[in-house]
Structures are given as C-alpha cells and as structure tokens.
C-alpha atoms as a PDB file:
ATOM      1  CA  UNK A   1       0.000   0.000   0.000  1.00  0.00           C
ATOM      2  CA  UNK A   2       1.480   3.314  -1.081  1.00  0.00           C
ATOM      3  CA  UNK A   3       1.581   6.402   1.087  1.00  0.00           C
ATOM      4  CA  UNK A   4      -0.602   9.036  -0.536  1.00  0.00           C
ATOM      5  CA  UNK A   5       0.088  11.651   2.141  1.00  0.00           C
ATOM      6  CA  UNK A   6       3.555  12.486   0.871  1.00  0.00           C
ATOM      7  CA  UNK A   7       3.779  16.211   0.041  1.00  0.00           C
ATOM      8  CA  UNK A   8       0.101  16.803   0.828  1.00  0.00           C
ATOM      9  CA  UNK A   9      -0.454  20.144   2.560  1.00  0.00           C
ATOM     10  CA  UNK A  10      -2.780  19.813   5.532  1.00  0.00           C
ATOM     11  CA  UNK A  11      -4.182  22.506   7.822  1.00  0.00           C
ATOM     12  CA  UNK A  12      -4.738  21.385  11.409  1.00  0.00           C
ATOM     13  CA  UNK A  13      -7.101  23.770  13.199  1.00  0.00           C
ATOM     14  CA  UNK A  14      -6.760  22.202  16.630  1.00  0.00           C
ATOM     15  CA  UNK A  15      -5.235  24.303  19.391  1.00  0.00           C
ATOM     16  CA  UNK A  16      -2.113  24.004  21.522  1.00  0.00           C
ATOM     17  CA  UNK A  17      -0.769  20.740  22.855  1.00  0.00           C
ATOM     18  CA  UNK A  18      -3.679  18.775  21.418  1.00  0.00           C
ATOM     19  CA  UNK A  19      -2.255  19.361  17.940  1.00  0.00           C
ATOM     20  CA  UNK A  20       1.239  18.045  18.691  1.00  0.00           C
ATOM     21  CA  UNK A  21       0.752  14.282  18.314  1.00  0.00           C
ATOM     22  CA  UNK A  22      -1.538  14.438  15.238  1.00  0.00           C
ATOM     23  CA  UNK A  23       0.954  16.741  13.547  1.00  0.00           C
ATOM     24  CA  UNK A  24       3.879  14.426  14.283  1.00  0.00           C
ATOM     25  CA  UNK A  25       2.019  11.410  12.926  1.00  0.00           C
ATOM     26  CA  UNK A  26       1.055  13.120   9.666  1.00  0.00           C
ATOM     27  CA  UNK A  27       4.510  14.636   9.167  1.00  0.00           C
ATOM     28  CA  UNK A  28       6.131  11.243   9.723  1.00  0.00           C
ATOM     29  CA  UNK A  29       4.233  10.090   6.624  1.00  0.00           C
ATOM     30  CA  UNK A  30       5.522  12.966   4.522  1.00  0.00           C
ATOM     31  CA  UNK A  31       2.650  15.445   4.835  1.00  0.00           C
ATOM     32  CA  UNK A  32       3.283  19.170   5.134  1.00  0.00           C
ATOM     33  CA  UNK A  33       1.243  20.133   8.187  1.00  0.00           C
ATOM     34  CA  UNK A  34       0.347  23.738   8.938  1.00  0.00           C
ATOM     35  CA  UNK A  35      -0.695  24.248  12.554  1.00  0.00           C
ATOM     36  CA  UNK A  36      -3.323  26.968  12.374  1.00  0.00           C
ATOM     37  CA  UNK A  37      -5.375  26.927  15.601  1.00  0.00           C
ATOM     38  CA  UNK A  38      -8.640  28.757  15.011  1.00  0.00           C
ATOM     39  CA  UNK A  39      -9.779  28.618  18.623  1.00  0.00           C
ATOM     40  CA  UNK A  40      -8.206  29.536  21.923  1.00  0.00           C
ATOM     41  CA  UNK A  41      -9.407  27.592  24.957  1.00  0.00           C
ATOM     42  CA  UNK A  42      -9.844  29.853  27.976  1.00  0.00           C
ATOM     43  CA  UNK A  43     -11.441  29.493  31.415  1.00  0.00           C
ATOM     44  CA  UNK A  44     -14.799  31.132  31.915  1.00  0.00           C
ATOM     45  CA  UNK A  45     -14.533  34.656  33.301  1.00  0.00           C
ATOM     46  CA  UNK A  46     -16.853  34.122  36.292  1.00  0.00           C
ATOM     47  CA  UNK A  47     -16.809  30.928  38.366  1.00  0.00           C
ATOM     48  CA  UNK A  48     -19.729  31.650  40.720  1.00  0.00           C
ATOM     49  CA  UNK A  49     -22.134  29.213  39.090  1.00  0.00           C
ATOM     50  CA  UNK A  50     -19.572  26.417  38.858  1.00  0.00           C
ATOM     51  CA  UNK A  51     -18.384  26.969  42.423  1.00  0.00           C
ATOM     52  CA  UNK A  52     -21.927  26.820  43.767  1.00  0.00           C
ATOM     53  CA  UNK A  53     -22.419  23.315  42.424  1.00  0.00           C
ATOM     54  CA  UNK A  54     -18.841  22.228  43.128  1.00  0.00           C
ATOM     55  CA  UNK A  55     -19.655  22.826  46.796  1.00  0.00           C
ATOM     56  CA  UNK A  56     -22.509  20.332  46.444  1.00  0.00           C
ATOM     57  CA  UNK A  57     -20.701  17.564  44.535  1.00  0.00           C
ATOM     58  CA  UNK A  58     -21.405  15.036  47.305  1.00  0.00           C
ATOM     59  CA  UNK A  59     -25.091  15.330  46.429  1.00  0.00           C
ATOM     60  CA  UNK A  60     -24.489  14.113  42.856  1.00  0.00           C
ATOM     61  CA  UNK A  61     -24.300  10.524  41.598  1.00  0.00           C
ATOM     62  CA  UNK A  62     -22.305  11.176  38.415  1.00  0.00           C
ATOM     63  CA  UNK A  63     -19.895  13.756  37.016  1.00  0.00           C
ATOM     64  CA  UNK A  64     -19.651  13.619  33.211  1.00  0.00           C
ATOM     65  CA  UNK A  65     -16.597  14.880  31.330  1.00  0.00           C
ATOM     66  CA  UNK A  66     -17.151  15.227  27.582  1.00  0.00           C
ATOM     67  CA  UNK A  67     -13.669  16.510  26.665  1.00  0.00           C
ATOM     68  CA  UNK A  68     -10.092  16.818  27.856  1.00  0.00           C
ATOM     69  CA  UNK A  69     -10.659  20.543  28.319  1.00  0.00           C
ATOM     70  CA  UNK A  70     -13.620  19.903  30.617  1.00  0.00           C
ATOM     71  CA  UNK A  71     -11.397  17.701  32.776  1.00  0.00           C
ATOM     72  CA  UNK A  72      -8.475  20.122  32.860  1.00  0.00           C
ATOM     73  CA  UNK A  73     -10.409  23.269  33.691  1.00  0.00           C
ATOM     74  CA  UNK A  74     -12.747  21.549  36.162  1.00  0.00           C
ATOM     75  CA  UNK A  75      -9.988  19.897  38.161  1.00  0.00           C
ATOM     76  CA  UNK A  76      -7.891  23.064  38.177  1.00  0.00           C
ATOM     77  CA  UNK A  77     -10.802  25.082  39.533  1.00  0.00           C
ATOM     78  CA  UNK A  78     -11.704  22.455  42.116  1.00  0.00           C
ATOM     79  CA  UNK A  79      -8.144  22.387  43.403  1.00  0.00           C
ATOM     80  CA  UNK A  80      -7.838  26.171  43.361  1.00  0.00           C
ATOM     81  CA  UNK A  81     -10.824  26.234  45.719  1.00  0.00           C
ATOM     82  CA  UNK A  82      -9.472  23.368  47.869  1.00  0.00           C
ATOM     83  CA  UNK A  83     -12.031  20.846  46.644  1.00  0.00           C
ATOM     84  CA  UNK A  84     -11.737  17.326  45.267  1.00  0.00           C
ATOM     85  CA  UNK A  85     -14.062  14.910  43.496  1.00  0.00           C
ATOM     86  CA  UNK A  86     -15.825  12.855  46.208  1.00  0.00           C
ATOM     87  CA  UNK A  87     -14.898   9.163  46.248  1.00  0.00           C
ATOM     88  CA  UNK A  88     -18.512   8.032  45.874  1.00  0.00           C
ATOM     89  CA  UNK A  89     -19.112  10.234  42.824  1.00  0.00           C
ATOM     90  CA  UNK A  90     -18.969   8.116  39.669  1.00  0.00           C
ATOM     91  CA  UNK A  91     -16.751   9.620  36.983  1.00  0.00           C
ATOM     92  CA  UNK A  92     -17.993   9.264  33.409  1.00  0.00           C
ATOM     93  CA  UNK A  93     -15.844  10.113  30.378  1.00  0.00           C
ATOM     94  CA  UNK A  94     -16.836  10.427  26.726  1.00  0.00           C
ATOM     95  CA  UNK A  95     -13.754   9.028  25.020  1.00  0.00           C
ATOM     96  CA  UNK A  96     -10.498   7.356  25.951  1.00  0.00           C
ATOM     97  CA  UNK A  97      -8.465  10.569  25.680  1.00  0.00           C
ATOM     98  CA  UNK A  98     -10.794  12.257  28.147  1.00  0.00           C
ATOM     99  CA  UNK A  99     -10.381   9.310  30.508  1.00  0.00           C
ATOM    100  CA  UNK A 100      -6.599   9.488  30.108  1.00  0.00           C
ATOM    101  CA  UNK A 101      -6.701  13.171  31.096  1.00  0.00           C
ATOM    102  CA  UNK A 102      -8.606  12.239  34.263  1.00  0.00           C
ATOM    103  CA  UNK A 103      -5.996   9.650  35.110  1.00  0.00           C
ATOM    104  CA  UNK A 104      -3.241  12.257  34.624  1.00  0.00           C
ATOM    105  CA  UNK A 105      -4.866  14.140  37.489  1.00  0.00           C
ATOM    106  CA  UNK A 106      -5.196  10.990  39.581  1.00  0.00           C
ATOM    107  CA  UNK A 107      -8.950  10.753  39.040  1.00  0.00           C
ATOM    108  CA  UNK A 108     -10.389   7.236  38.850  1.00  0.00           C
ATOM    109  CA  UNK A 109     -12.700   6.771  35.876  1.00  0.00           C
ATOM    110  CA  UNK A 110     -15.730   4.527  36.336  1.00  0.00           C
ATOM    111  CA  UNK A 111     -17.492   4.638  32.968  1.00  0.00           C
ATOM    112  CA  UNK A 112     -16.340   5.103  29.348  1.00  0.00           C
ATOM    113  CA  UNK A 113     -19.027   4.173  26.787  1.00  0.00           C
ATOM    114  CA  UNK A 114     -18.002   2.089  23.775  1.00  0.00           C
ATOM    115  CA  UNK A 115     -19.369   4.788  21.465  1.00  0.00           C
ATOM    116  CA  UNK A 116     -17.380   7.978  22.166  1.00  0.00           C
ATOM    117  CA  UNK A 117     -20.275  10.406  21.754  1.00  0.00           C
ATOM    118  CA  UNK A 118     -23.263  11.873  23.562  1.00  0.00           C
ATOM    119  CA  UNK A 119     -25.411   9.305  21.759  1.00  0.00           C
ATOM    120  CA  UNK A 120     -23.159   6.525  23.014  1.00  0.00           C
ATOM    121  CA  UNK A 121     -23.437   7.752  26.577  1.00  0.00           C
ATOM    122  CA  UNK A 122     -27.225   8.070  26.352  1.00  0.00           C
ATOM    123  CA  UNK A 123     -27.421   4.543  24.973  1.00  0.00           C
ATOM    124  CA  UNK A 124     -25.278   3.297  27.867  1.00  0.00           C
ATOM    125  CA  UNK A 125     -27.494   4.925  30.483  1.00  0.00           C
ATOM    126  CA  UNK A 126     -30.711   3.818  28.775  1.00  0.00           C
ATOM    127  CA  UNK A 127     -29.875   0.334  30.068  1.00  0.00           C
ATOM    128  CA  UNK A 128     -29.371   1.635  33.613  1.00  0.00           C
ATOM    129  CA  UNK A 129     -31.768   2.853  36.273  1.00  0.00           C
ATOM    130  CA  UNK A 130     -31.084   6.591  36.441  1.00  0.00           C
ATOM    131  CA  UNK A 131     -34.496   7.988  37.384  1.00  0.00           C
ATOM    132  CA  UNK A 132     -33.816  10.903  39.784  1.00  0.00           C
ATOM    133  CA  UNK A 133     -30.069  10.228  39.695  1.00  0.00           C
ATOM    134  CA  UNK A 134     -28.098  13.470  39.757  1.00  0.00           C
ATOM    135  CA  UNK A 135     -25.640  14.309  36.963  1.00  0.00           C
ATOM    136  CA  UNK A 136     -23.127  17.174  36.950  1.00  0.00           C
ATOM    137  CA  UNK A 137     -21.759  18.086  33.497  1.00  0.00           C
ATOM    138  CA  UNK A 138     -18.985  20.739  33.395  1.00  0.00           C
ATOM    139  CA  UNK A 139     -18.772  21.862  29.787  1.00  0.00           C
ATOM    140  CA  UNK A 140     -17.850  24.484  27.234  1.00  0.00           C
ATOM    141  CA  UNK A 141     -19.790  27.741  27.338  1.00  0.00           C
ATOM    142  CA  UNK A 142     -20.991  26.932  23.816  1.00  0.00           C
ATOM    143  CA  UNK A 143     -21.651  23.225  24.365  1.00  0.00           C
ATOM    144  CA  UNK A 144     -24.737  21.642  22.886  1.00  0.00           C
ATOM    145  CA  UNK A 145     -27.443  20.449  25.287  1.00  0.00           C
ATOM    146  CA  UNK A 146     -28.067  17.138  23.515  1.00  0.00           C
ATOM    147  CA  UNK A 147     -26.599  15.067  26.359  1.00  0.00           C
ATOM    148  CA  UNK A 148     -28.402  17.047  29.047  1.00  0.00           C
ATOM    149  CA  UNK A 149     -31.759  16.807  27.279  1.00  0.00           C
ATOM    150  CA  UNK A 150     -31.300  13.078  26.620  1.00  0.00           C
ATOM    151  CA  UNK A 151     -30.611  12.398  30.299  1.00  0.00           C
ATOM    152  CA  UNK A 152     -33.579  14.530  31.320  1.00  0.00           C
ATOM    153  CA  UNK A 153     -35.760  12.423  29.008  1.00  0.00           C
ATOM    154  CA  UNK A 154     -34.552   9.415  30.976  1.00  0.00           C
ATOM    155  CA  UNK A 155     -35.868  11.187  34.122  1.00  0.00           C
ATOM    156  CA  UNK A 156     -32.430  12.033  35.522  1.00  0.00           C
ATOM    157  CA  UNK A 157     -31.696  15.291  37.358  1.00  0.00           C
ATOM    158  CA  UNK A 158     -29.060  17.153  35.314  1.00  0.00           C
ATOM    159  CA  UNK A 159     -26.944  20.260  35.919  1.00  0.00           C
ATOM    160  CA  UNK A 160     -24.760  21.440  33.010  1.00  0.00           C
ATOM    161  CA  UNK A 161     -22.401  24.288  33.903  1.00  0.00           C
ATOM    162  CA  UNK A 162     -19.756  26.019  31.720  1.00  0.00           C
ATOM    163  CA  UNK A 163     -16.175  25.825  32.949  1.00  0.00           C
ATOM    164  CA  UNK A 164     -14.288  26.911  29.794  1.00  0.00           C
ATOM    165  CA  UNK A 165     -14.896  28.765  26.571  1.00  0.00           C
ATOM    166  CA  UNK A 166     -13.623  28.625  22.987  1.00  0.00           C
ATOM    167  CA  UNK A 167     -12.513  32.103  22.004  1.00  0.00           C
ATOM    168  CA  UNK A 168     -10.832  33.554  18.934  1.00  0.00           C
ATOM    169  CA  UNK A 169      -7.033  33.227  18.953  1.00  0.00           C
ATOM    170  CA  UNK A 170      -4.920  36.311  19.647  1.00  0.00           C
ATOM    171  CA  UNK A 171      -4.387  38.585  16.640  1.00  0.00           C
ATOM    172  CA  UNK A 172      -0.696  37.666  16.565  1.00  0.00           C
ATOM    173  CA  UNK A 173      -1.593  33.969  16.238  1.00  0.00           C
ATOM    174  CA  UNK A 174      -4.137  34.738  13.535  1.00  0.00           C
ATOM    175  CA  UNK A 175      -1.613  36.694  11.452  1.00  0.00           C
ATOM    176  CA  UNK A 176       0.981  33.964  11.944  1.00  0.00           C
ATOM    177  CA  UNK A 177      -1.493  31.365  10.682  1.00  0.00           C
ATOM    178  CA  UNK A 178      -2.483  33.431   7.672  1.00  0.00           C
ATOM    179  CA  UNK A 179       1.149  33.992   6.724  1.00  0.00           C
ATOM    180  CA  UNK A 180       1.779  30.238   6.709  1.00  0.00           C
ATOM    181  CA  UNK A 181      -0.971  29.823   4.119  1.00  0.00           C
ATOM    182  CA  UNK A 182       0.378  32.378   1.670  1.00  0.00           C
ATOM    183  CA  UNK A 183       1.109  30.791  -1.703  1.00  0.00           C
ATOM    184  CA  UNK A 184       0.205  27.302  -0.502  1.00  0.00           C
ATOM    185  CA  UNK A 185      -2.037  24.859  -2.324  1.00  0.00           C
ATOM    186  CA  UNK A 186      -4.092  23.303   0.455  1.00  0.00           C
ATOM    187  CA  UNK A 187      -5.091  19.665   0.054  1.00  0.00           C
ATOM    188  CA  UNK A 188      -6.945  19.010   3.311  1.00  0.00           C
ATOM    189  CA  UNK A 189      -8.297  20.939   6.296  1.00  0.00           C
ATOM    190  CA  UNK A 190      -9.013  19.144   9.572  1.00  0.00           C
ATOM    191  CA  UNK A 191     -11.823  20.509  11.750  1.00  0.00           C
ATOM    192  CA  UNK A 192     -12.189  19.189  15.286  1.00  0.00           C
ATOM    193  CA  UNK A 193     -15.202  21.168  16.506  1.00  0.00           C
ATOM    194  CA  UNK A 194     -17.909  23.446  15.127  1.00  0.00           C
ATOM    195  CA  UNK A 195     -15.951  26.421  16.502  1.00  0.00           C
ATOM    196  CA  UNK A 196     -12.798  25.541  14.568  1.00  0.00           C
ATOM    197  CA  UNK A 197     -14.827  25.660  11.352  1.00  0.00           C
ATOM    198  CA  UNK A 198     -16.826  28.798  12.138  1.00  0.00           C
ATOM    199  CA  UNK A 199     -13.718  30.682  13.250  1.00  0.00           C
ATOM    200  CA  UNK A 200     -11.769  29.572  10.175  1.00  0.00           C
ATOM    201  CA  UNK A 201     -14.452  31.167   7.990  1.00  0.00           C
ATOM    202  CA  UNK A 202     -14.259  34.379  10.046  1.00  0.00           C
ATOM    203  CA  UNK A 203     -10.469  34.540  10.118  1.00  0.00           C
ATOM    204  CA  UNK A 204     -10.123  33.905   6.387  1.00  0.00           C
ATOM    205  CA  UNK A 205     -13.126  36.138   5.621  1.00  0.00           C
ATOM    206  CA  UNK A 206     -14.797  33.392   3.605  1.00  0.00           C
ATOM    207  CA  UNK A 207     -18.286  34.425   2.489  1.00  0.00           C
ATOM    208  CA  UNK A 208     -18.562  31.789  -0.241  1.00  0.00           C
ATOM    209  CA  UNK A 209     -17.464  28.470   1.343  1.00  0.00           C
ATOM    210  CA  UNK A 210     -18.373  26.460  -1.746  1.00  0.00           C
ATOM    211  CA  UNK A 211     -15.911  28.442  -3.843  1.00  0.00           C
ATOM    212  CA  UNK A 212     -13.102  28.475  -1.245  1.00  0.00           C
ATOM    213  CA  UNK A 213     -13.286  24.717  -0.535  1.00  0.00           C
ATOM    214  CA  UNK A 214     -13.879  23.682  -4.153  1.00  0.00           C
ATOM    215  CA  UNK A 215     -10.535  21.854  -4.465  1.00  0.00           C
ATOM    216  CA  UNK A 216      -9.899  21.216  -0.766  1.00  0.00           C
ATOM    217  CA  UNK A 217     -10.794  18.016   1.084  1.00  0.00           C
ATOM    218  CA  UNK A 218     -12.496  18.368   4.469  1.00  0.00           C
ATOM    219  CA  UNK A 219     -12.019  16.110   7.497  1.00  0.00           C
ATOM    220  CA  UNK A 220     -14.411  16.366  10.463  1.00  0.00           C
ATOM    221  CA  UNK A 221     -13.885  14.631  13.799  1.00  0.00           C
ATOM    222  CA  UNK A 222     -17.523  13.684  14.308  1.00  0.00           C
ATOM    223  CA  UNK A 223     -21.178  14.228  13.419  1.00  0.00           C
ATOM    224  CA  UNK A 224     -21.642  17.466  15.389  1.00  0.00           C
ATOM    225  CA  UNK A 225     -18.772  19.150  13.546  1.00  0.00           C
ATOM    226  CA  UNK A 226     -19.816  17.587  10.253  1.00  0.00           C
ATOM    227  CA  UNK A 227     -23.386  18.870  10.596  1.00  0.00           C
ATOM    228  CA  UNK A 228     -22.217  22.476  10.985  1.00  0.00           C
ATOM    229  CA  UNK A 229     -19.912  22.166   7.959  1.00  0.00           C
ATOM    230  CA  UNK A 230     -22.642  20.584   5.851  1.00  0.00           C
ATOM    231  CA  UNK A 231     -25.064  23.367   6.759  1.00  0.00           C
ATOM    232  CA  UNK A 232     -22.594  25.700   5.030  1.00  0.00           C
ATOM    233  CA  UNK A 233     -23.207  23.702   1.850  1.00  0.00           C
ATOM    234  CA  UNK A 234     -19.986  21.684   2.023  1.00  0.00           C
ATOM    235  CA  UNK A 235     -19.257  17.974   1.688  1.00  0.00           C
ATOM    236  CA  UNK A 236     -17.364  15.985   4.304  1.00  0.00           C
ATOM    237  CA  UNK A 237     -14.711  13.830   2.671  1.00  0.00           C
ATOM    238  CA  UNK A 238     -13.259  12.163   5.768  1.00  0.00           C
ATOM    239  CA  UNK A 239     -14.861  11.311   9.118  1.00  0.00           C
ATOM    240  CA  UNK A 240     -13.999   8.461  11.500  1.00  0.00           C
ATOM    241  CA  UNK A 241     -16.440   5.889  12.865  1.00  0.00           C
ATOM    242  CA  UNK A 242     -15.079   6.506  16.366  1.00  0.00           C
ATOM    243  CA  UNK A 243     -14.952  10.174  17.217  1.00  0.00           C
ATOM    244  CA  UNK A 244     -11.406  10.656  18.477  1.00  0.00           C
ATOM    245  CA  UNK A 245      -8.410  12.484  17.050  1.00  0.00           C
ATOM    246  CA  UNK A 246      -6.417   9.251  16.810  1.00  0.00           C
ATOM    247  CA  UNK A 247      -9.158   7.604  14.769  1.00  0.00           C
ATOM    248  CA  UNK A 248      -9.555  10.675  12.577  1.00  0.00           C
ATOM    249  CA  UNK A 249      -5.848  10.644  11.741  1.00  0.00           C
ATOM    250  CA  UNK A 250      -5.986   6.905  11.002  1.00  0.00           C
ATOM    251  CA  UNK A 251      -8.993   7.488   8.726  1.00  0.00           C
ATOM    252  CA  UNK A 252      -7.108  10.250   6.907  1.00  0.00           C
ATOM    253  CA  UNK A 253      -4.155   7.907   6.384  1.00  0.00           C
ATOM    254  CA  UNK A 254      -6.453   5.224   4.938  1.00  0.00           C
ATOM    255  CA  UNK A 255      -8.173   7.793   2.704  1.00  0.00           C
ATOM    256  CA  UNK A 256      -4.865   8.801   1.136  1.00  0.00           C
ATOM    257  CA  UNK A 257      -3.463   5.268   0.883  1.00  0.00           C
ATOM    258  CA  UNK A 258      -3.529   3.640  -2.525  1.00  0.00           C
ATOM    259  CA  UNK A 259      -3.122   0.031  -3.491  1.00  0.00           C
END
C-alpha cells in the first residue's frame, strides 16, 4: 500500500498541545502540516455558578466529562478552591483521551461508553436505572445540550455548567497562521469542533465556502462538527467511525493510501 500523504499540505485547526501528536504522525508520513489553531481555549470569566455546584458535589451521583478541556479546567478550579471529586461520585468520560486526562490528574474513571459520543453515553445509560439520579456536566460555554436533554428524558436530574470557553485566537496567532498559508495549495483541512470551522471562515473572511473549498478536502472529527460544515453547503470527505483524534488521523491515512 502506497503512502498518498507524501507532500500533501494539511491545515490542522486544533489548538495548543492537542495538535502536537496528530501533527507528528502526519509529518512522519511525509505530509506538510500547517498548525493553524482557530480557537483559543480559555477558562470562563466568572466561576460563581460552577463553584456553587462544586460545593454540592457530594449530592451528585455522576460527574460527566465530555472533553479533555472539561477535565483540565474543572480539576484546576476544584483544586484552586481546595475541593476534590468525592470518592462516591462516579466519573464518566466520553472518550479514551478524556479518561486518560482524568488519570493524569489521579482521578479514577468509572465509565467510558463504547461509542465515544453523547449518543453513546445516552445509549449506555438507557440500560441503567437513572431515574432521579443526579448528573453534573462541566462543559464548554458553547456546548450543545443534547446530552443534558437526553438524560432529562430518561428522568435524571441534570446540571450542566460552563467551565471553559472557545474564544478567537490572539491577533498575533491569527496573522501567523495566515502567513503560513500564503502561496500554498491546500489539500486538506481538519476541523475538530464546530468552533474551529466557524472561526476559520471568520479569520479567512470566507463568504462563499463552496468556492473556497472547491478543491480542498475536508475532514471532520464527528457528526456534530460535520453537521455544521454541511449546513454551510460543504461535503465531508473524511470522518472516522469513532470520534477521536487518533481515529480521525488513522482514517485520513487510509483515505490517502492507494493500493
């Protein structure tokens, strides 16, 4: 099987440290990877709401982390305020990477659904007795409420509170990213959240996505991201069956491999 990634130019819109390993893997196969983060992950500006419920964590049955960022910013805030996750609180993670982040902080993970998505988690709990069980979901300020609403439909008691936000990168980072694109023929752009796509359009001042992406392949990490891209009239070329960055990169490699 030949390596079709050689000399392909790929834009990776993921931010910070989370882009390091995917970039290394693609570059090891000969791709030219441009790291162009289109979001900047920041803590929320006011913690009052989060702190109020953090004080009551012993009253909850489950804490649900849907991303590595949710873990990082939640645990940091808990420890800043001299709090810990109670031993009896069951820790639920959507995805292996999210679970790994918990373990980095010494947090024992109790549940990781086979399907790394909100749908997978809802399916898992549909087989459990969760009527009136209390769920705490620390999330992004722009997170969807699909998981919350699904649990509520199963008669659970759910609190979803923002702990971080996805902002625009600093102007210096934006200009640096734009400069890297000058004169380049882009083969593929990887989007890892709806925000990475929306912000890319804003940063590049794209008002006609169909024209801009005409000769560019698009990779989306999962159905939520894909849905936003498709609503802009675009086609998803690459999307993994399991919604993790590792699986997305593997799917990209298979897409560009030729017999």
